[in-house]
Amino acid sequence: MSFFSRELKAKCGLGEAEHDHGECHGHSGMIGWKWSVKEKLAARTALNLALDRELAAVIHEAKERAERIKEASDLWEMETWLIDQREGIARTFDFRYSVLARVFATLLRERRVSLIDLRGLAQEKLDTIERLSRT
């Protein structure tokens, strides 16, 4: 279990059993890149930045939804929405190096990360991430 996975679990409130199964993130295909120390730091920084943005957006939306709660059914609807958000975040933000290119490609396609956020990665990795983001 990587440091980022523990950090993600802490930020999202996930238990060990909810996050340890290898294919739970829906990222098929692996790229066997070598990662330099500098690239590992850049990748971790970019993913943390995207995760922080995502969590800030969820918090903002949750506060707006909470203000609109008028009856019990609204409360349970919000609970379902929060669970969906947490599960989506857990699926998306996977810091295993073997799937990181696809993770960044998805985030790039969804405009949750930019190529500027990915600075520090080798050009080969940036080119592949950009290409994958268009598929």
N, C-alpha and C. Protein backbone atom coordinates (compact mmCIF):
# COMPACT_ATOMS: atom_id res chain seq x y z
N MET A 1 0.86 -1.18 0.00
CA MET A 1 0.00 0.00 0.00
C MET A 1 0.90 1.23 0.00
N SER A 2 0.71 2.10 -0.96
CA SER A 2 1.55 3.29 -1.06
C SER A 2 1.11 4.36 -0.07
N PHE A 3 1.99 5.32 0.16
CA PHE A 3 1.67 6.46 1.02
C PHE A 3 0.43 7.17 0.52
N PHE A 4 0.36 7.39 -0.79
CA PHE A 4 -0.77 8.12 -1.34
C PHE A 4 -2.07 7.39 -1.07
N SER A 5 -2.07 6.08 -1.17
CA SER A 5 -3.29 5.33 -0.91
C SER A 5 -3.76 5.54 0.52
N ARG A 6 -2.83 5.54 1.47
CA ARG A 6 -3.21 5.79 2.86
C ARG A 6 -3.75 7.21 3.00
N GLU A 7 -3.09 8.16 2.32
CA GLU A 7 -3.54 9.55 2.37
C GLU A 7 -4.93 9.69 1.76
N LEU A 8 -5.14 9.05 0.62
CA LEU A 8 -6.44 9.10 -0.03
C LEU A 8 -7.50 8.49 0.87
N LYS A 9 -7.19 7.35 1.46
CA LYS A 9 -8.16 6.71 2.34
C LYS A 9 -8.50 7.62 3.51
N ALA A 10 -7.51 8.30 4.05
CA ALA A 10 -7.77 9.21 5.17
C ALA A 10 -8.64 10.38 4.72
N LYS A 11 -8.34 10.96 3.56
CA LYS A 11 -9.11 12.10 3.08
C LYS A 11 -10.53 11.72 2.72
N CYS A 12 -10.71 10.50 2.23
CA CYS A 12 -12.03 10.08 1.76
C CYS A 12 -12.76 9.22 2.77
N GLY A 13 -12.11 8.88 3.87
CA GLY A 13 -12.76 8.07 4.90
C GLY A 13 -12.95 6.63 4.49
N LEU A 14 -12.05 6.10 3.68
CA LEU A 14 -12.17 4.72 3.23
C LEU A 14 -11.46 3.78 4.18
N GLY A 15 -12.05 2.63 4.41
CA GLY A 15 -11.42 1.60 5.21
C GLY A 15 -10.51 0.75 4.35
N GLU A 16 -9.64 -0.02 4.98
CA GLU A 16 -8.67 -0.86 4.28
C GLU A 16 -9.35 -1.79 3.28
N ALA A 17 -10.40 -2.45 3.68
CA ALA A 17 -11.06 -3.42 2.80
C ALA A 17 -11.69 -2.76 1.59
N GLU A 18 -12.06 -1.51 1.72
CA GLU A 18 -12.71 -0.82 0.61
C GLU A 18 -11.74 -0.39 -0.47
N HIS A 19 -10.44 -0.38 -0.18
CA HIS A 19 -9.51 0.21 -1.13
C HIS A 19 -8.38 -0.71 -1.59
N ASP A 20 -8.26 -1.89 -1.04
CA ASP A 20 -7.10 -2.70 -1.34
C ASP A 20 -7.20 -3.59 -2.57
N HIS A 21 -8.35 -3.83 -3.10
CA HIS A 21 -8.44 -4.74 -4.23
C HIS A 21 -7.91 -4.07 -5.48
N GLY A 22 -6.98 -4.77 -6.15
CA GLY A 22 -6.17 -4.20 -7.21
C GLY A 22 -6.91 -3.62 -8.39
N GLU A 23 -7.96 -4.24 -8.86
CA GLU A 23 -8.63 -3.75 -10.05
C GLU A 23 -9.86 -2.91 -9.74
N CYS A 24 -9.99 -2.45 -8.52
CA CYS A 24 -11.19 -1.71 -8.13
C CYS A 24 -11.29 -0.36 -8.83
N HIS A 25 -10.23 0.08 -9.46
CA HIS A 25 -10.22 1.43 -10.01
C HIS A 25 -10.62 1.49 -11.48
N GLY A 26 -10.81 0.36 -12.11
CA GLY A 26 -11.28 0.36 -13.48
C GLY A 26 -10.27 0.82 -14.50
N HIS A 27 -8.99 0.81 -14.18
CA HIS A 27 -7.96 1.20 -15.13
C HIS A 27 -7.37 -0.07 -15.72
N SER A 28 -7.68 -0.34 -16.97
CA SER A 28 -7.13 -1.53 -17.60
C SER A 28 -5.86 -1.17 -18.35
N GLY A 29 -5.01 -2.11 -18.50
CA GLY A 29 -3.76 -1.89 -19.22
C GLY A 29 -2.76 -1.15 -18.37
N MET A 30 -1.54 -1.61 -18.41
CA MET A 30 -0.51 -0.99 -17.60
C MET A 30 0.64 -0.56 -18.49
N ILE A 31 1.30 0.49 -18.08
CA ILE A 31 2.45 0.99 -18.82
C ILE A 31 3.65 0.80 -17.91
N GLY A 32 4.65 0.07 -18.38
CA GLY A 32 5.81 -0.27 -17.55
C GLY A 32 6.91 0.77 -17.61
N TRP A 33 6.61 1.97 -17.21
CA TRP A 33 7.59 3.05 -17.21
C TRP A 33 8.50 2.96 -16.00
N LYS A 34 9.68 3.51 -16.16
CA LYS A 34 10.58 3.76 -15.03
C LYS A 34 10.31 5.18 -14.57
N TRP A 35 10.23 5.38 -13.27
CA TRP A 35 9.94 6.70 -12.71
C TRP A 35 11.14 7.18 -11.91
N SER A 36 11.67 8.34 -12.28
CA SER A 36 12.76 8.93 -11.50
C SER A 36 12.18 9.49 -10.20
N VAL A 37 13.04 9.78 -9.27
CA VAL A 37 12.60 10.38 -8.00
C VAL A 37 11.89 11.70 -8.28
N LYS A 38 12.46 12.50 -9.18
CA LYS A 38 11.85 13.79 -9.53
C LYS A 38 10.45 13.59 -10.13
N GLU A 39 10.32 12.60 -11.00
CA GLU A 39 9.01 12.34 -11.61
C GLU A 39 8.01 11.82 -10.59
N LYS A 40 8.46 10.99 -9.68
CA LYS A 40 7.56 10.49 -8.64
C LYS A 40 7.02 11.65 -7.80
N LEU A 41 7.89 12.58 -7.47
CA LEU A 41 7.47 13.75 -6.70
C LEU A 41 6.49 14.61 -7.51
N ALA A 42 6.80 14.82 -8.78
CA ALA A 42 5.92 15.62 -9.64
C ALA A 42 4.56 14.95 -9.80
N ALA A 43 4.55 13.63 -9.97
CA ALA A 43 3.29 12.90 -10.12
C ALA A 43 2.47 12.97 -8.85
N ARG A 44 3.11 12.76 -7.72
CA ARG A 44 2.40 12.82 -6.44
C ARG A 44 1.83 14.22 -6.21
N THR A 45 2.62 15.24 -6.53
CA THR A 45 2.17 16.62 -6.36
C THR A 45 0.96 16.90 -7.25
N ALA A 46 1.03 16.47 -8.51
CA ALA A 46 -0.08 16.71 -9.44
C ALA A 46 -1.35 15.98 -9.00
N LEU A 47 -1.20 14.73 -8.57
CA LEU A 47 -2.38 13.98 -8.16
C LEU A 47 -2.97 14.55 -6.87
N ASN A 48 -2.11 14.94 -5.94
CA ASN A 48 -2.61 15.57 -4.71
C ASN A 48 -3.33 16.88 -5.01
N LEU A 49 -2.81 17.65 -5.95
CA LEU A 49 -3.45 18.91 -6.33
C LEU A 49 -4.84 18.64 -6.91
N ALA A 50 -4.93 17.67 -7.81
CA ALA A 50 -6.22 17.32 -8.41
C ALA A 50 -7.18 16.78 -7.35
N LEU A 51 -6.67 15.96 -6.44
CA LEU A 51 -7.51 15.42 -5.38
C LEU A 51 -8.01 16.53 -4.46
N ASP A 52 -7.14 17.45 -4.11
CA ASP A 52 -7.55 18.58 -3.26
C ASP A 52 -8.63 19.41 -3.95
N ARG A 53 -8.48 19.63 -5.25
CA ARG A 53 -9.51 20.37 -6.00
C ARG A 53 -10.84 19.62 -5.99
N GLU A 54 -10.75 18.32 -6.22
CA GLU A 54 -11.95 17.49 -6.24
C GLU A 54 -12.66 17.51 -4.89
N LEU A 55 -11.89 17.35 -3.83
CA LEU A 55 -12.49 17.35 -2.49
C LEU A 55 -13.08 18.71 -2.15
N ALA A 56 -12.42 19.79 -2.56
CA ALA A 56 -12.97 21.13 -2.32
C ALA A 56 -14.30 21.31 -3.04
N ALA A 57 -14.39 20.80 -4.26
CA ALA A 57 -15.65 20.89 -5.02
C ALA A 57 -16.75 20.07 -4.35
N VAL A 58 -16.41 18.90 -3.86
CA VAL A 58 -17.40 18.06 -3.18
C VAL A 58 -17.86 18.73 -1.88
N ILE A 59 -16.93 19.29 -1.14
CA ILE A 59 -17.30 19.99 0.11
C ILE A 59 -18.23 21.16 -0.20
N HIS A 60 -17.89 21.93 -1.22
CA HIS A 60 -18.72 23.08 -1.60
C HIS A 60 -20.14 22.61 -1.96
N GLU A 61 -20.21 21.59 -2.81
CA GLU A 61 -21.52 21.07 -3.22
C GLU A 61 -22.28 20.49 -2.03
N ALA A 62 -21.58 19.80 -1.14
CA ALA A 62 -22.24 19.21 0.03
C ALA A 62 -22.84 20.30 0.92
N LYS A 63 -22.13 21.40 1.09
CA LYS A 63 -22.66 22.51 1.89
C LYS A 63 -23.91 23.09 1.25
N GLU A 64 -23.88 23.25 -0.07
CA GLU A 64 -25.07 23.77 -0.76
C GLU A 64 -26.24 22.81 -0.62
N ARG A 65 -25.97 21.52 -0.77
CA ARG A 65 -27.04 20.53 -0.63
C ARG A 65 -27.58 20.50 0.80
N ALA A 66 -26.69 20.63 1.77
CA ALA A 66 -27.13 20.60 3.17
C ALA A 66 -28.08 21.75 3.48
N GLU A 67 -27.82 22.90 2.89
CA GLU A 67 -28.70 24.06 3.11
C GLU A 67 -30.10 23.83 2.56
N ARG A 68 -30.22 22.94 1.58
CA ARG A 68 -31.52 22.69 0.95
C ARG A 68 -32.29 21.54 1.60
N ILE A 69 -31.73 20.93 2.63
CA ILE A 69 -32.41 19.82 3.29
C ILE A 69 -33.62 20.35 4.05
N LYS A 70 -34.77 19.79 3.71
CA LYS A 70 -36.02 20.20 4.35
C LYS A 70 -36.68 19.05 5.11
N GLU A 71 -36.43 17.83 4.67
CA GLU A 71 -37.06 16.68 5.32
C GLU A 71 -36.10 15.50 5.29
N ALA A 72 -36.48 14.44 6.00
CA ALA A 72 -35.61 13.28 6.16
C ALA A 72 -35.18 12.68 4.82
N SER A 73 -36.08 12.62 3.86
CA SER A 73 -35.73 12.03 2.57
C SER A 73 -34.60 12.81 1.88
N ASP A 74 -34.56 14.12 2.09
CA ASP A 74 -33.48 14.94 1.55
C ASP A 74 -32.14 14.55 2.18
N LEU A 75 -32.19 14.24 3.46
CA LEU A 75 -30.99 13.84 4.18
C LEU A 75 -30.44 12.53 3.63
N TRP A 76 -31.32 11.56 3.41
CA TRP A 76 -30.87 10.26 2.91
C TRP A 76 -30.40 10.38 1.46
N GLU A 77 -31.01 11.27 0.71
CA GLU A 77 -30.55 11.51 -0.66
C GLU A 77 -29.13 12.08 -0.64
N MET A 78 -28.87 12.97 0.30
CA MET A 78 -27.52 13.53 0.41
C MET A 78 -26.52 12.46 0.82
N GLU A 79 -26.93 11.58 1.71
CA GLU A 79 -26.04 10.50 2.11
C GLU A 79 -25.66 9.65 0.90
N THR A 80 -26.62 9.30 0.08
CA THR A 80 -26.36 8.51 -1.12
C THR A 80 -25.41 9.26 -2.05
N TRP A 81 -25.64 10.55 -2.22
CA TRP A 81 -24.77 11.36 -3.07
C TRP A 81 -23.34 11.37 -2.54
N LEU A 82 -23.19 11.54 -1.22
CA LEU A 82 -21.85 11.55 -0.62
C LEU A 82 -21.13 10.21 -0.82
N ILE A 83 -21.84 9.13 -0.65
CA ILE A 83 -21.25 7.81 -0.86
C ILE A 83 -20.80 7.67 -2.31
N ASP A 84 -21.64 8.10 -3.24
CA ASP A 84 -21.27 8.06 -4.66
C ASP A 84 -20.02 8.89 -4.93
N GLN A 85 -19.93 10.05 -4.32
CA GLN A 85 -18.76 10.91 -4.51
C GLN A 85 -17.50 10.24 -3.97
N ARG A 86 -17.60 9.68 -2.78
CA ARG A 86 -16.44 9.01 -2.17
C ARG A 86 -15.98 7.84 -3.01
N GLU A 87 -16.91 7.04 -3.49
CA GLU A 87 -16.55 5.88 -4.31
C GLU A 87 -15.93 6.32 -5.64
N GLY A 88 -16.46 7.37 -6.23
CA GLY A 88 -15.90 7.89 -7.48
C GLY A 88 -14.48 8.40 -7.30
N ILE A 89 -14.25 9.08 -6.21
CA ILE A 89 -12.90 9.58 -5.91
C ILE A 89 -11.94 8.41 -5.71
N ALA A 90 -12.37 7.41 -4.99
CA ALA A 90 -11.51 6.24 -4.74
C ALA A 90 -11.17 5.53 -6.05
N ARG A 91 -12.13 5.46 -6.97
CA ARG A 91 -11.87 4.82 -8.27
C ARG A 91 -10.92 5.65 -9.12
N THR A 92 -11.05 6.95 -9.06
CA THR A 92 -10.31 7.84 -9.95
C THR A 92 -8.88 8.07 -9.52
N PHE A 93 -8.65 8.31 -8.25
CA PHE A 93 -7.34 8.76 -7.78
C PHE A 93 -6.49 7.58 -7.31
N ASP A 94 -5.95 6.85 -8.27
CA ASP A 94 -5.16 5.64 -8.04
C ASP A 94 -3.69 5.98 -8.29
N PHE A 95 -2.86 5.91 -7.26
CA PHE A 95 -1.47 6.32 -7.41
C PHE A 95 -0.52 5.17 -7.69
N ARG A 96 -1.01 4.05 -8.15
CA ARG A 96 -0.09 2.98 -8.54
C ARG A 96 0.61 3.41 -9.83
N TYR A 97 1.93 3.34 -9.84
CA TYR A 97 2.69 3.80 -11.00
C TYR A 97 2.29 3.06 -12.27
N SER A 98 1.89 1.80 -12.14
CA SER A 98 1.55 1.00 -13.32
C SER A 98 0.30 1.51 -14.04
N VAL A 99 -0.55 2.27 -13.37
CA VAL A 99 -1.77 2.79 -14.01
C VAL A 99 -1.82 4.31 -14.03
N LEU A 100 -0.78 4.94 -13.56
CA LEU A 100 -0.79 6.39 -13.40
C LEU A 100 -0.96 7.14 -14.72
N ALA A 101 -0.42 6.62 -15.80
CA ALA A 101 -0.60 7.28 -17.10
C ALA A 101 -2.08 7.36 -17.45
N ARG A 102 -2.80 6.28 -17.23
CA ARG A 102 -4.24 6.27 -17.53
C ARG A 102 -5.02 7.15 -16.56
N VAL A 103 -4.59 7.17 -15.31
CA VAL A 103 -5.23 8.05 -14.32
C VAL A 103 -5.08 9.50 -14.76
N PHE A 104 -3.85 9.90 -15.10
CA PHE A 104 -3.62 11.28 -15.53
C PHE A 104 -4.34 11.57 -16.85
N ALA A 105 -4.40 10.61 -17.75
CA ALA A 105 -5.12 10.81 -19.01
C ALA A 105 -6.60 11.08 -18.75
N THR A 106 -7.18 10.32 -17.86
CA THR A 106 -8.59 10.53 -17.51
C THR A 106 -8.79 11.91 -16.88
N LEU A 107 -7.92 12.25 -15.95
CA LEU A 107 -8.03 13.56 -15.29
C LEU A 107 -7.82 14.70 -16.29
N LEU A 108 -6.91 14.51 -17.24
CA LEU A 108 -6.67 15.52 -18.26
C LEU A 108 -7.89 15.66 -19.17
N ARG A 109 -8.45 14.54 -19.61
CA ARG A 109 -9.63 14.56 -20.47
C ARG A 109 -10.80 15.25 -19.76
N GLU A 110 -10.94 15.02 -18.47
CA GLU A 110 -12.04 15.60 -17.70
C GLU A 110 -11.70 17.00 -17.17
N ARG A 111 -10.55 17.52 -17.58
CA ARG A 111 -10.08 18.85 -17.19
C ARG A 111 -9.94 19.02 -15.67
N ARG A 112 -9.55 17.93 -15.02
CA ARG A 112 -9.31 17.99 -13.57
C ARG A 112 -7.82 18.13 -13.27
N VAL A 113 -7.01 18.02 -14.31
CA VAL A 113 -5.57 18.25 -14.23
C VAL A 113 -5.16 18.83 -15.58
N SER A 114 -4.10 19.63 -15.58
CA SER A 114 -3.62 20.21 -16.84
C SER A 114 -2.19 19.72 -17.10
N LEU A 115 -1.73 19.92 -18.31
CA LEU A 115 -0.34 19.56 -18.62
C LEU A 115 0.63 20.38 -17.77
N ILE A 116 0.25 21.58 -17.43
CA ILE A 116 1.09 22.41 -16.56
C ILE A 116 1.21 21.75 -15.18
N ASP A 117 0.11 21.17 -14.69
CA ASP A 117 0.15 20.47 -13.40
C ASP A 117 1.12 19.29 -13.44
N LEU A 118 1.32 18.74 -14.64
CA LEU A 118 2.15 17.54 -14.80
C LEU A 118 3.61 17.86 -15.10
N ARG A 119 3.97 19.14 -15.05
CA ARG A 119 5.37 19.49 -15.33
C ARG A 119 6.27 18.74 -14.34
N GLY A 120 7.39 18.33 -14.85
CA GLY A 120 8.30 17.52 -14.06
C GLY A 120 8.33 16.08 -14.53
N LEU A 121 7.31 15.69 -15.31
CA LEU A 121 7.32 14.36 -15.91
C LEU A 121 8.11 14.42 -17.22
N ALA A 122 8.71 13.32 -17.59
CA ALA A 122 9.46 13.24 -18.85
C ALA A 122 8.52 13.51 -20.02
N GLN A 123 9.06 14.09 -21.08
CA GLN A 123 8.25 14.42 -22.25
C GLN A 123 7.55 13.18 -22.81
N GLU A 124 8.22 12.05 -22.80
CA GLU A 124 7.62 10.79 -23.28
C GLU A 124 6.33 10.48 -22.50
N LYS A 125 6.38 10.67 -21.20
CA LYS A 125 5.19 10.41 -20.37
C LYS A 125 4.10 11.43 -20.68
N LEU A 126 4.47 12.69 -20.80
CA LEU A 126 3.48 13.73 -21.11
C LEU A 126 2.81 13.45 -22.46
N ASP A 127 3.61 13.07 -23.45
CA ASP A 127 3.06 12.77 -24.78
C ASP A 127 2.08 11.60 -24.71
N THR A 128 2.45 10.57 -23.97
CA THR A 128 1.57 9.40 -23.85
C THR A 128 0.29 9.75 -23.10
N ILE A 129 0.42 10.49 -22.02
CA ILE A 129 -0.76 10.91 -21.25
C ILE A 129 -1.69 11.74 -22.12
N GLU A 130 -1.11 12.66 -22.87
CA GLU A 130 -1.94 13.50 -23.75
C GLU A 130 -2.62 12.65 -24.82
N ARG A 131 -1.89 11.71 -25.40
CA ARG A 131 -2.48 10.83 -26.42
C ARG A 131 -3.60 9.98 -25.82
N LEU A 132 -3.36 9.40 -24.66
CA LEU A 132 -4.38 8.58 -24.00
C LEU A 132 -5.61 9.40 -23.62
N SER A 133 -5.42 10.67 -23.34
CA SER A 133 -6.55 11.52 -22.94
C SER A 133 -7.53 11.73 -24.09
N ARG A 134 -7.07 11.48 -25.31
CA ARG A 134 -7.94 11.67 -26.48
C ARG A 134 -8.65 10.39 -26.88
N THR A 135 -8.42 9.30 -26.15
CA THR A 135 -9.06 8.02 -26.51
C THR A 135 -10.24 7.73 -25.63
